[in-house]
Amino acid sequence: MPDLRPGKTEARGECALSSKHHRRYGVSLLREVISPLGVREIAGRSEVTLRPGSLISRCRIRRQTQAEVDSGADAYEVEFHADGRAYLCPLFRFQPRTRLVERVTLGAVAV
């Protein structure tokens, strides 16, 4: 169970680093799926399950509008890439099923 107290790494939302931060510091964060993760592929609009060991990059937390939340959407979604495809997943499902793997210098890994 992750420690969600303020100041702990798991509670800071490592995926929330902006692309501006990536360009400025040349750093990206990789995450790994640690248990089956149901996600929605953006391009194909299909539901898929990512398996443990899948690497995730380019994470971005998106906040839905109040109108979307009122119509049943999750308040926060994570947009990310894995295996060359873009996916969406509710933040509450994403956080407990992934973990930070490492920081890498951009260009060292195709992220």
Protein backbone atom coordinates (compact mmCIF):
# COMPACT_ATOMS: atom_id res chain seq x y z
CA MET A 1 0.00 0.00 0.00
CA PRO A 2 1.56 3.32 -1.03
CA ASP A 3 2.16 5.98 1.58
CA LEU A 4 -0.12 8.84 0.49
CA ARG A 5 0.89 11.35 3.16
CA PRO A 6 1.96 14.79 1.87
CA GLY A 7 5.61 14.89 0.88
CA LYS A 8 5.80 11.23 -0.07
CA THR A 9 6.76 10.44 -3.66
CA GLU A 10 3.65 8.37 -4.39
CA ALA A 11 1.38 11.31 -3.54
CA ARG A 12 3.13 13.85 -5.76
CA GLY A 13 1.85 12.56 -9.12
CA GLU A 14 5.12 12.01 -10.95
CA CYS A 15 3.18 12.00 -14.21
CA ALA A 16 2.15 15.59 -13.67
CA LEU A 17 5.49 17.01 -14.82
CA SER A 18 4.77 19.30 -17.73
CA SER A 19 6.36 19.05 -21.13
CA LYS A 20 7.86 22.49 -20.37
CA HIS A 21 9.70 20.86 -17.43
CA HIS A 22 10.87 18.04 -19.73
CA ARG A 23 12.26 20.47 -22.29
CA ARG A 24 13.91 22.66 -19.68
CA TYR A 25 15.60 19.93 -17.68
CA GLY A 26 15.84 17.15 -20.27
CA VAL A 27 14.34 14.64 -17.82
CA SER A 28 11.45 12.23 -18.25
CA LEU A 29 9.92 9.70 -15.90
CA LEU A 30 9.15 6.12 -16.81
CA ARG A 31 6.49 4.15 -15.02
CA GLU A 32 5.80 0.44 -15.04
CA VAL A 33 2.50 -1.39 -14.81
CA ILE A 34 2.59 -3.60 -11.69
CA SER A 35 -0.87 -5.19 -11.95
CA PRO A 36 -3.33 -5.51 -14.87
CA LEU A 37 -4.48 -2.02 -15.89
CA GLY A 38 -7.67 -1.47 -17.90
CA VAL A 39 -7.24 1.52 -20.21
CA ARG A 40 -8.85 3.13 -23.26
CA GLU A 41 -6.80 3.47 -26.44
CA ILE A 42 -7.32 6.99 -27.77
CA ALA A 43 -6.94 6.30 -31.51
CA GLY A 44 -8.97 3.10 -31.69
CA ARG A 45 -11.37 4.03 -28.88
CA SER A 46 -11.09 0.47 -27.65
CA GLU A 47 -10.71 -0.94 -24.16
CA VAL A 48 -7.50 -2.89 -23.55
CA THR A 49 -5.65 -4.26 -20.54
CA LEU A 50 -1.96 -3.47 -20.11
CA ARG A 51 0.00 -6.31 -18.55
CA PRO A 52 2.45 -6.07 -15.66
CA GLY A 53 5.89 -5.04 -16.89
CA SER A 54 4.59 -2.67 -19.59
CA LEU A 55 6.53 0.61 -19.61
CA ILE A 56 4.64 3.89 -19.63
CA SER A 57 5.94 7.28 -20.71
CA ARG A 58 4.72 10.82 -21.41
CA CYS A 59 2.18 10.80 -18.57
CA ARG A 60 -0.09 13.78 -18.18
CA ILE A 61 -2.92 14.25 -15.71
CA ARG A 62 -6.01 15.84 -17.25
CA ARG A 63 -8.82 17.42 -15.25
CA GLN A 64 -12.27 17.07 -16.76
CA THR A 65 -14.68 20.00 -16.95
CA GLN A 66 -17.49 20.20 -14.42
CA ALA A 67 -20.00 19.46 -17.19
CA GLU A 68 -18.13 16.23 -18.05
CA VAL A 69 -17.98 15.21 -14.38
CA ASP A 70 -21.71 15.97 -13.98
CA SER A 71 -22.43 13.68 -16.95
CA GLY A 72 -20.54 10.77 -15.34
CA ALA A 73 -16.89 11.22 -16.37
CA ASP A 74 -14.09 10.71 -13.85
CA ALA A 75 -12.75 14.01 -12.50
CA TYR A 76 -9.11 13.19 -13.39
CA GLU A 77 -7.69 11.04 -16.17
CA VAL A 78 -4.12 10.16 -17.05
CA GLU A 79 -3.06 10.37 -20.68
CA PHE A 80 0.09 8.36 -21.43
CA HIS A 81 1.96 6.29 -24.01
CA ALA A 82 2.86 2.60 -23.98
CA ASP A 83 4.04 0.39 -26.84
CA GLY A 84 3.78 3.32 -29.26
CA ARG A 85 0.10 3.98 -28.54
CA ALA A 86 -1.70 6.70 -26.59
CA TYR A 87 -4.05 5.70 -23.77
CA LEU A 88 -6.40 7.20 -21.19
CA CYS A 89 -7.17 5.85 -17.74
CA PRO A 90 -8.89 7.26 -14.64
CA LEU A 91 -6.30 8.54 -12.18
CA PHE A 92 -7.76 6.52 -9.28
CA ARG A 93 -7.14 3.31 -11.28
CA PHE A 94 -3.73 4.36 -12.67
CA GLN A 95 -1.93 5.27 -9.43
CA PRO A 96 -2.19 1.97 -7.51
CA ARG A 97 -1.40 -0.15 -10.59
CA THR A 98 1.78 1.63 -11.72
CA ARG A 99 5.06 2.61 -10.12
CA LEU A 100 7.91 4.95 -10.92
CA VAL A 101 10.75 3.05 -12.56
CA GLU A 102 13.43 5.66 -13.20
CA ARG A 103 14.31 9.09 -14.41
CA VAL A 104 15.94 9.11 -17.82
CA THR A 105 17.59 11.78 -19.92
CA LEU A 106 15.51 12.58 -22.97
CA GLY A 107 17.12 11.04 -26.03
CA ALA A 108 18.48 8.10 -24.03
CA VAL A 109 15.18 6.22 -24.34
CA ALA A 110 12.37 6.62 -26.87
CA VAL A 111 9.72 8.13 -24.59
